[in-house]
Every structure is written in structure tokens, then in C-alpha cells.
């Protein structure tokens, strides 16, 4: 998996990344949280802000798979529902 970014995030905050994906390839998006008890979620959105994939569980880490129907730019949104932490975003 490719390390995309590391950042800090607080409860109620969303950090977005615009990434290019190729059609027909399955990607795994993984957000690794540094602290227990923090609830991070991750979503993949298209150009119309429609959620195409995501993980909104109460787990500290977040992960989902995504197979785009067309090649192009998509938005990865990392949200923090509870707590504050640093995190790492991976895509592969």
C-alpha cells in the first residue's frame, strides 16, 4: 500500500484528498489511527459528492475497498467522529 499522507484530526473535522483512480482496479483505502478510543471514518466520493464506498464503524481504524467504474479523480474524505489523533492514510 502507498502512504498518501499523515496528519492530525479533531472531532467534527473532515480532511479531504483528491486522487486519481483507474477504472476496473480494486483499491483498498486504509486509515491507521494513532490512539485508541478515537473514531475515524473514511469515504470515497465522486465529483457530485456522492458516497461510493466507505467505513463508518466505531472502530479506531477505518478501511474500505473501491472499484471505480470510470478512470478519473475521486475524493477521499477522512472524518473524526470522536476524539483527536494523528493518522496515516494508505491506498493500494
Protein backbone atom coordinates (compact mmCIF):
# COMPACT_ATOMS: atom_id res chain seq x y z
CA UNK A 1 0.00 0.00 0.00
CA UNK A 2 1.15 3.52 -0.74
CA UNK A 3 1.41 6.01 2.09
CA UNK A 4 -0.54 9.08 0.94
CA UNK A 5 -0.35 11.38 3.96
CA UNK A 6 -0.06 11.75 7.73
CA UNK A 7 -2.00 14.45 9.54
CA UNK A 8 -3.72 15.44 12.78
CA UNK A 9 -7.52 15.47 13.08
CA UNK A 10 -10.02 16.55 15.74
CA UNK A 11 -13.62 15.57 16.50
CA UNK A 12 -16.01 17.01 13.91
CA UNK A 13 -13.24 17.64 11.37
CA UNK A 14 -13.02 16.25 7.83
CA UNK A 15 -9.83 16.24 5.75
CA UNK A 16 -10.10 15.51 2.02
CA UNK A 17 -7.71 14.25 -0.64
CA UNK A 18 -8.27 14.32 -4.41
CA UNK A 19 -6.72 11.25 -6.01
CA UNK A 20 -6.82 9.68 -9.46
CA UNK A 21 -8.04 6.09 -9.82
CA UNK A 22 -8.20 3.79 -12.86
CA UNK A 23 -11.44 2.07 -13.84
CA UNK A 24 -11.80 -1.63 -13.07
CA UNK A 25 -8.99 -1.80 -10.49
CA UNK A 26 -9.93 -2.56 -6.88
CA UNK A 27 -8.26 -0.26 -4.37
CA UNK A 28 -8.06 -0.57 -0.61
CA UNK A 29 -8.20 2.65 1.37
CA UNK A 30 -6.91 2.37 4.94
CA UNK A 31 -6.71 4.99 7.69
CA UNK A 32 -4.46 4.00 10.59
CA UNK A 33 -5.22 5.80 13.83
CA UNK A 34 -2.54 6.51 16.41
CA UNK A 35 -4.72 6.47 19.55
CA UNK A 36 -7.31 4.07 20.97
CA UNK A 37 -10.81 5.37 21.62
CA UNK A 38 -10.86 7.70 18.61
CA UNK A 39 -13.48 7.05 15.92
CA UNK A 40 -12.18 7.69 12.39
CA UNK A 41 -14.25 7.12 9.25
CA UNK A 42 -13.26 7.14 5.58
CA UNK A 43 -15.36 7.72 2.46
CA UNK A 44 -14.79 7.75 -1.31
CA UNK A 45 -16.83 10.36 -3.16
CA UNK A 46 -17.36 11.10 -6.84
CA UNK A 47 -17.38 14.55 -8.45
CA UNK A 48 -21.00 15.06 -7.36
CA UNK A 49 -20.06 14.34 -3.71
CA UNK A 50 -21.96 11.02 -3.84
CA UNK A 51 -20.52 8.43 -1.43
CA UNK A 52 -19.35 5.41 -3.45
CA UNK A 53 -17.63 3.45 -0.66
CA UNK A 54 -16.76 3.93 2.97
CA UNK A 55 -16.35 2.75 6.53
CA UNK A 56 -18.30 4.48 9.28
CA UNK A 57 -17.88 1.86 12.00
CA UNK A 58 -16.96 2.84 15.57
CA UNK A 59 -13.52 1.24 15.22
CA UNK A 60 -10.42 3.39 15.66
CA UNK A 61 -9.04 2.49 12.22
CA UNK A 62 -11.09 2.77 9.03
CA UNK A 63 -10.85 0.81 5.78
CA UNK A 64 -12.85 0.18 2.62
CA UNK A 65 -12.40 -1.20 -0.87
CA UNK A 66 -13.34 0.68 -4.01
CA UNK A 67 -13.51 -0.33 -7.68
CA UNK A 68 -14.14 2.75 -9.84
CA UNK A 69 -16.46 2.45 -12.81
CA UNK A 70 -14.50 5.08 -14.70
CA UNK A 71 -10.99 6.48 -14.60
CA UNK A 72 -10.64 9.90 -13.05
CA UNK A 73 -10.32 11.92 -9.89
CA UNK A 74 -12.19 10.95 -6.73
CA UNK A 75 -12.24 12.45 -3.25
CA UNK A 76 -11.13 10.53 -0.16
CA UNK A 77 -12.66 12.04 2.99
CA UNK A 78 -11.25 11.20 6.43
CA UNK A 79 -13.58 12.23 9.26
CA UNK A 80 -13.18 12.16 13.02
CA UNK A 81 -16.38 11.41 14.90
CA UNK A 82 -14.82 11.25 18.38
CA UNK A 83 -11.53 12.32 19.95
CA UNK A 84 -8.37 13.77 18.45
CA UNK A 85 -5.42 11.92 16.95
CA UNK A 86 -2.79 11.75 14.28
CA UNK A 87 -3.38 9.29 11.44
CA UNK A 88 -1.84 7.78 8.31
CA UNK A 89 -3.71 7.35 5.02
CA UNK A 90 -2.78 4.45 2.73
CA UNK A 91 -4.12 3.48 -0.70
CA UNK A 92 -3.20 0.35 -2.58
